[in-house]
Amino acid sequence: MTHAELRQTFYQALTSTYLQGELLSLYHWCVEELEGWSKTQAYLKNDNQVSDESLRRWKEVITRLQASEPVQYIFNKAHFGDLELFVDPSVLIPRPETEELVMLLIENEEEANLSVLDIGTGSGCIPLAIKNQRKGWEVSGCDISDKALDVAQRNADMLKIDLHFFIADALDSETHLPKADVYISNPPYIPEKARSEMEVNVLSHEPHLALFAPPSDPLAFYKTITTMAVNNSVKRVYFETHATDMKAFISEMTKIWSGEVVVKKDMAGKDRFVVLK
């Protein structure tokens, strides 16, 4: 089998699962990971024969993609801003909106010395991206999941970025988060009622602990974190939200936070981010 024939096999096997644009992106991702080739090299090597070992690996990847497993988990790799991170099913795959959250903080915070705590850090993408750009800041992250913290620490070690990670349950009334100038969080915010609307690759493979808000109170994380911020005299809080029912969100925040509650749109024009000042 030539690589041109393999490419056709790849498309035929996955065309019912992915859109054409997604397929092209997936193919180039797989080519880079499995063959070490750029897009240009892949087409220049159309007539090359596929080795038995390479074909075995391609078939394994195609099978996993047919099951809607995210390609980031297959290759344990995700990109976040300028960083390349290790990811596995114990952490969410970092999203572009979360990159926007980081940039919002970076653009708004001009102090040379600042302490920042990321609550619900997952892969560590938020504090790693912040520290990578603001090396003089004291940045840390916490999570309820030991496995997630292992991934976050692995990424910090791999990138040689010095961060402090610790375990904490943000919903536990006994939890006392450390003081910091700024809190930032992309907590579990998807309401249970939205479960049926979610894509199968997310619902079947990404950790529900990091996806879904408590059914009894979809804003529980936001209210608890804001209360802790008030108790710890935190100067500002940055949140990523579900971008729905923002009026109710603001109403709940103003019951706790006495300062400004500022809503910011994401690149798609949705009211996605909330800054408490």
Protein backbone atom coordinates (compact mmCIF):
# COMPACT_ATOMS: atom_id res chain seq x y z
CA MET A 1 0.00 0.00 0.00
CA THR A 2 1.28 3.47 -0.90
CA HIS A 3 0.78 6.53 1.26
CA ALA A 4 -1.64 7.91 -1.32
CA GLU A 5 -3.75 4.77 -0.93
CA LEU A 6 -3.44 4.98 2.86
CA ARG A 7 -4.76 8.53 2.79
CA GLN A 8 -7.82 7.39 0.84
CA THR A 9 -8.35 4.54 3.30
CA PHE A 10 -8.13 7.04 6.16
CA TYR A 11 -10.75 9.33 4.61
CA GLN A 12 -13.11 6.47 3.69
CA ALA A 13 -12.96 4.99 7.19
CA LEU A 14 -13.71 8.28 8.93
CA THR A 15 -15.90 10.25 6.53
CA SER A 16 -19.08 9.26 8.37
CA THR A 17 -17.65 10.44 11.71
CA TYR A 18 -15.96 13.73 10.83
CA LEU A 19 -16.54 16.71 8.57
CA GLN A 20 -14.24 17.12 5.58
CA GLY A 21 -12.30 19.99 7.13
CA GLU A 22 -11.80 18.03 10.34
CA LEU A 23 -10.61 14.99 8.37
CA LEU A 24 -7.94 16.99 6.59
CA SER A 25 -6.69 18.43 9.88
CA LEU A 26 -6.73 14.98 11.53
CA TYR A 27 -4.84 13.43 8.63
CA HIS A 28 -2.06 16.01 8.80
CA TRP A 29 -1.87 15.64 12.60
CA CYS A 30 -1.52 11.85 12.22
CA VAL A 31 1.06 12.18 9.47
CA GLU A 32 3.20 14.42 11.65
CA GLU A 33 2.92 12.12 14.66
CA LEU A 34 3.21 8.76 12.91
CA GLU A 35 5.60 9.59 10.10
CA GLY A 36 7.28 12.79 11.27
CA TRP A 37 6.33 14.53 8.01
CA SER A 38 5.12 18.05 7.30
CA LYS A 39 2.08 18.63 5.07
CA THR A 40 4.34 19.21 2.06
CA GLN A 41 6.42 16.12 2.74
CA ALA A 42 3.29 14.00 3.04
CA TYR A 43 2.22 14.78 -0.52
CA LEU A 44 5.75 14.45 -1.90
CA LYS A 45 5.86 10.91 -0.50
CA ASN A 46 2.53 9.81 -2.01
CA ASP A 47 4.15 6.91 -3.88
CA ASN A 48 6.22 5.64 -0.94
CA GLN A 49 5.25 2.23 0.37
CA VAL A 50 3.80 2.05 3.89
CA SER A 51 5.82 -0.27 6.12
CA ASP A 52 4.06 -3.05 7.99
CA GLU A 53 4.79 -1.42 11.35
CA SER A 54 3.57 1.97 10.15
CA LEU A 55 0.38 0.43 8.74
CA ARG A 56 -0.28 -1.28 12.07
CA ARG A 57 -0.02 2.03 13.90
CA TRP A 58 -2.23 3.81 11.36
CA LYS A 59 -4.92 1.14 11.71
CA GLU A 60 -4.85 1.48 15.50
CA VAL A 61 -5.25 5.26 15.27
CA ILE A 62 -8.08 4.98 12.73
CA THR A 63 -9.92 2.56 15.02
CA ARG A 64 -9.63 4.97 17.94
CA LEU A 65 -10.75 7.91 15.79
CA GLN A 66 -13.76 5.88 14.62
CA ALA A 67 -14.74 5.63 18.28
CA SER A 68 -14.61 9.47 18.42
CA GLU A 69 -11.62 9.46 20.75
CA PRO A 70 -10.01 12.92 20.63
CA VAL A 71 -6.78 12.95 18.66
CA GLN A 72 -5.16 14.84 21.55
CA TYR A 73 -5.66 11.81 23.81
CA ILE A 74 -4.46 9.39 21.14
CA PHE A 75 -1.11 11.18 20.90
CA ASN A 76 -1.13 12.64 24.45
CA LYS A 77 -0.52 16.10 23.07
CA ALA A 78 -2.40 19.41 22.98
CA HIS A 79 -1.40 22.92 22.01
CA PHE A 80 -2.23 25.89 24.22
CA GLY A 81 -0.93 29.22 23.03
CA ASP A 82 2.81 28.79 22.56
CA LEU A 83 2.91 25.67 24.73
CA GLU A 84 2.76 21.99 23.84
CA LEU A 85 1.17 20.04 26.69
CA PHE A 86 0.80 16.41 27.69
CA VAL A 87 -2.86 15.45 28.09
CA ASP A 88 -4.69 12.23 28.92
CA PRO A 89 -8.31 11.39 29.81
CA SER A 90 -7.85 12.59 33.39
CA VAL A 91 -7.84 16.22 32.18
CA LEU A 92 -9.86 18.33 29.79
CA ILE A 93 -8.38 19.15 26.43
CA PRO A 94 -7.53 22.89 26.56
CA ARG A 95 -9.87 25.04 24.49
CA PRO A 96 -9.21 28.24 22.49
CA GLU A 97 -11.65 30.13 24.74
CA THR A 98 -9.42 29.37 27.72
CA GLU A 99 -6.47 30.82 25.82
CA GLU A 100 -8.58 33.97 25.52
CA LEU A 101 -9.16 33.94 29.29
CA VAL A 102 -5.40 33.84 29.88
CA MET A 103 -4.80 36.69 27.43
CA LEU A 104 -7.53 38.74 29.12
CA LEU A 105 -5.67 38.46 32.41
CA ILE A 106 -2.25 39.11 30.86
CA GLU A 107 -3.49 42.22 29.07
CA ASN A 108 -5.22 43.64 32.15
CA GLU A 109 -2.65 42.94 34.86
CA GLU A 110 0.36 45.22 34.56
CA GLU A 111 1.97 44.84 37.99
CA ALA A 112 5.53 43.55 38.02
CA ASN A 113 4.92 41.41 41.09
CA LEU A 114 1.62 39.58 41.26
CA SER A 115 0.37 36.35 42.83
CA VAL A 116 -2.14 34.33 40.80
CA LEU A 117 -4.03 31.18 41.78
CA ASP A 118 -5.76 29.00 39.18
CA ILE A 119 -8.64 27.03 40.71
CA GLY A 120 -9.45 23.78 38.92
CA THR A 121 -6.17 23.69 37.03
CA GLY A 122 -6.55 20.37 35.16
CA SER A 123 -3.59 20.03 32.80
CA GLY A 124 -2.08 23.18 34.27
CA CYS A 125 -2.58 25.03 30.99
CA ILE A 126 -3.71 28.30 32.59
CA PRO A 127 -0.95 28.81 35.18
CA LEU A 128 1.70 27.47 32.79
CA ALA A 129 0.68 29.93 30.08
CA ILE A 130 0.59 32.79 32.58
CA LYS A 131 3.97 31.98 34.11
CA ASN A 132 5.48 31.49 30.66
CA GLN A 133 4.64 35.11 29.86
CA ARG A 134 5.04 36.65 33.32
CA LYS A 135 8.07 34.97 34.82
CA GLY A 136 8.27 37.37 37.75
CA TRP A 137 4.80 36.49 39.02
CA GLU A 138 4.06 33.93 41.71
CA VAL A 139 1.66 31.48 40.02
CA SER A 140 0.05 28.34 41.42
CA GLY A 141 -2.81 25.96 40.67
CA CYS A 142 -5.08 23.58 42.52
CA ASP A 143 -7.45 20.76 41.60
CA ILE A 144 -9.58 18.14 43.30
CA SER A 145 -8.07 15.36 41.15
CA ASP A 146 -4.74 13.75 42.04
CA LYS A 147 -4.46 12.43 38.49
CA ALA A 148 -5.00 15.89 37.04
CA LEU A 149 -2.32 17.32 39.31
CA ASP A 150 0.09 14.61 38.15
CA VAL A 151 -0.51 15.76 34.57
CA ALA A 152 -0.09 19.42 35.52
CA GLN A 153 3.20 18.70 37.32
CA ARG A 154 4.40 16.61 34.38
CA ASN A 155 3.77 19.56 32.07
CA ALA A 156 5.55 21.97 34.40
CA ASP A 157 8.56 19.65 34.56
CA MET A 158 8.55 19.10 30.80
CA LEU A 159 8.39 22.84 30.10
CA LYS A 160 10.81 23.67 32.92
CA ILE A 161 8.34 26.16 34.42
CA ASP A 162 8.43 26.48 38.19
CA LEU A 163 4.90 26.28 39.60
CA HIS A 164 3.27 25.12 42.81
CA PHE A 165 0.34 22.71 42.51
CA PHE A 166 -1.79 21.41 45.36
CA ILE A 167 -4.98 19.45 45.90
CA ALA A 168 -8.14 21.29 46.93
CA ASP A 169 -11.89 20.82 46.67
CA ALA A 170 -13.33 24.24 45.84
CA LEU A 171 -16.83 23.14 46.91
CA ASP A 172 -15.80 21.83 50.33
CA SER A 173 -16.74 24.31 53.05
CA GLU A 174 -13.65 23.19 54.99
CA THR A 175 -11.32 24.19 52.15
CA HIS A 176 -9.26 27.31 52.79
CA LEU A 177 -7.65 28.51 49.59
CA PRO A 178 -4.47 30.55 50.01
CA LYS A 179 -4.54 34.28 49.52
CA ALA A 180 -3.46 35.71 46.17
CA ASP A 181 -3.78 39.00 44.37
CA VAL A 182 -5.79 37.36 41.59
CA TYR A 183 -7.90 34.23 41.27
CA ILE A 184 -8.58 32.73 37.85
CA SER A 185 -10.83 29.77 37.09
CA ASN A 186 -12.43 27.82 34.29
CA PRO A 187 -14.51 25.58 36.58
CA PRO A 188 -16.97 22.82 35.61
CA TYR A 189 -19.81 24.89 34.19
CA ILE A 190 -21.86 22.80 31.78
CA PRO A 191 -25.41 22.38 33.15
CA GLU A 192 -26.74 18.84 33.37
CA LYS A 193 -29.58 19.74 31.00
CA ALA A 194 -27.03 20.38 28.23
CA ARG A 195 -25.64 16.83 28.37
CA SER A 196 -27.81 15.61 25.48
CA GLU A 197 -26.54 18.43 23.24
CA MET A 198 -22.86 17.58 23.67
CA GLU A 199 -20.66 16.00 21.03
CA VAL A 200 -19.89 12.33 21.55
CA ASN A 201 -16.10 12.84 21.51
CA VAL A 202 -16.42 15.12 24.55
CA LEU A 203 -19.12 13.22 26.42
CA SER A 204 -17.57 9.79 25.96
CA HIS A 205 -13.93 10.63 26.56
CA GLU A 206 -13.34 13.80 28.60
CA PRO A 207 -13.63 13.74 32.42
CA HIS A 208 -17.16 14.54 33.59
CA LEU A 209 -15.74 15.79 36.89
CA ALA A 210 -14.22 18.69 34.98
CA LEU A 211 -17.17 19.26 32.64
CA PHE A 212 -20.43 19.34 34.57
CA ALA A 213 -21.62 21.79 37.19
CA PRO A 214 -23.44 20.38 40.24
CA PRO A 215 -27.04 19.61 39.16
CA SER A 216 -28.42 21.27 42.29
CA ASP A 217 -26.70 24.58 41.51
CA PRO A 218 -24.95 25.19 38.17
CA LEU A 219 -23.28 28.32 39.61
CA ALA A 220 -21.99 26.61 42.76
CA PHE A 221 -18.31 26.82 41.80
CA TYR A 222 -18.53 30.49 40.87
CA LYS A 223 -20.33 31.45 44.07
CA THR A 224 -17.98 29.47 46.29
CA ILE A 225 -14.82 30.78 44.61
CA THR A 226 -16.12 34.35 44.77
CA THR A 227 -16.94 33.96 48.45
CA MET A 228 -13.42 32.68 49.11
CA ALA A 229 -12.01 35.59 47.11
CA VAL A 230 -13.93 38.05 49.29
CA ASN A 231 -12.78 36.32 52.48
CA ASN A 232 -9.16 36.39 51.28
CA SER A 233 -9.26 40.02 50.09
CA VAL A 234 -8.45 38.98 46.52
CA LYS A 235 -8.18 42.02 44.27
CA ARG A 236 -9.61 40.55 41.07
CA VAL A 237 -11.17 37.31 39.82
CA TYR A 238 -11.26 36.06 36.23
CA PHE A 239 -13.88 33.48 35.21
CA GLU A 240 -14.68 31.56 32.05
CA THR A 241 -18.39 30.73 31.91
CA HIS A 242 -20.91 28.71 29.91
CA ALA A 243 -21.91 31.92 28.09
CA THR A 244 -25.62 31.44 28.77
CA ASP A 245 -28.06 33.24 31.06
CA MET A 246 -25.50 35.92 31.91
CA LYS A 247 -28.13 38.06 33.62
CA ALA A 248 -28.66 35.39 36.30
CA PHE A 249 -24.89 34.95 36.61
CA ILE A 250 -24.29 38.64 37.22
CA SER A 251 -27.16 38.77 39.68
CA GLU A 252 -25.57 36.02 41.79
CA MET A 253 -22.11 37.58 41.63
CA THR A 254 -23.33 41.00 42.77
CA LYS A 255 -24.84 39.39 45.86
CA ILE A 256 -21.32 38.36 46.92
CA TRP A 257 -18.88 40.76 45.24
CA SER A 258 -19.19 44.44 46.18
CA GLY A 259 -16.99 45.74 43.37
CA GLU A 260 -17.46 45.79 39.60
CA VAL A 261 -18.70 42.76 37.66
CA VAL A 262 -17.48 43.12 34.06
CA VAL A 263 -18.57 40.84 31.21
CA LYS A 264 -16.24 40.27 28.26
CA LYS A 265 -17.03 38.61 24.94
CA ASP A 266 -15.05 35.79 23.36
CA MET A 267 -13.85 35.76 19.74
CA ALA A 268 -17.21 34.35 18.67
CA GLY A 269 -19.02 37.33 20.17
CA LYS A 270 -20.49 35.42 23.13
CA ASP A 271 -20.54 36.82 26.67
CA ARG A 272 -17.96 34.28 27.90
CA PHE A 273 -15.74 35.87 30.52
CA VAL A 274 -16.49 37.67 33.77
CA VAL A 275 -13.99 39.83 35.64
CA LEU A 276 -14.62 40.79 39.23
CA LYS A 277 -12.75 43.98 40.14
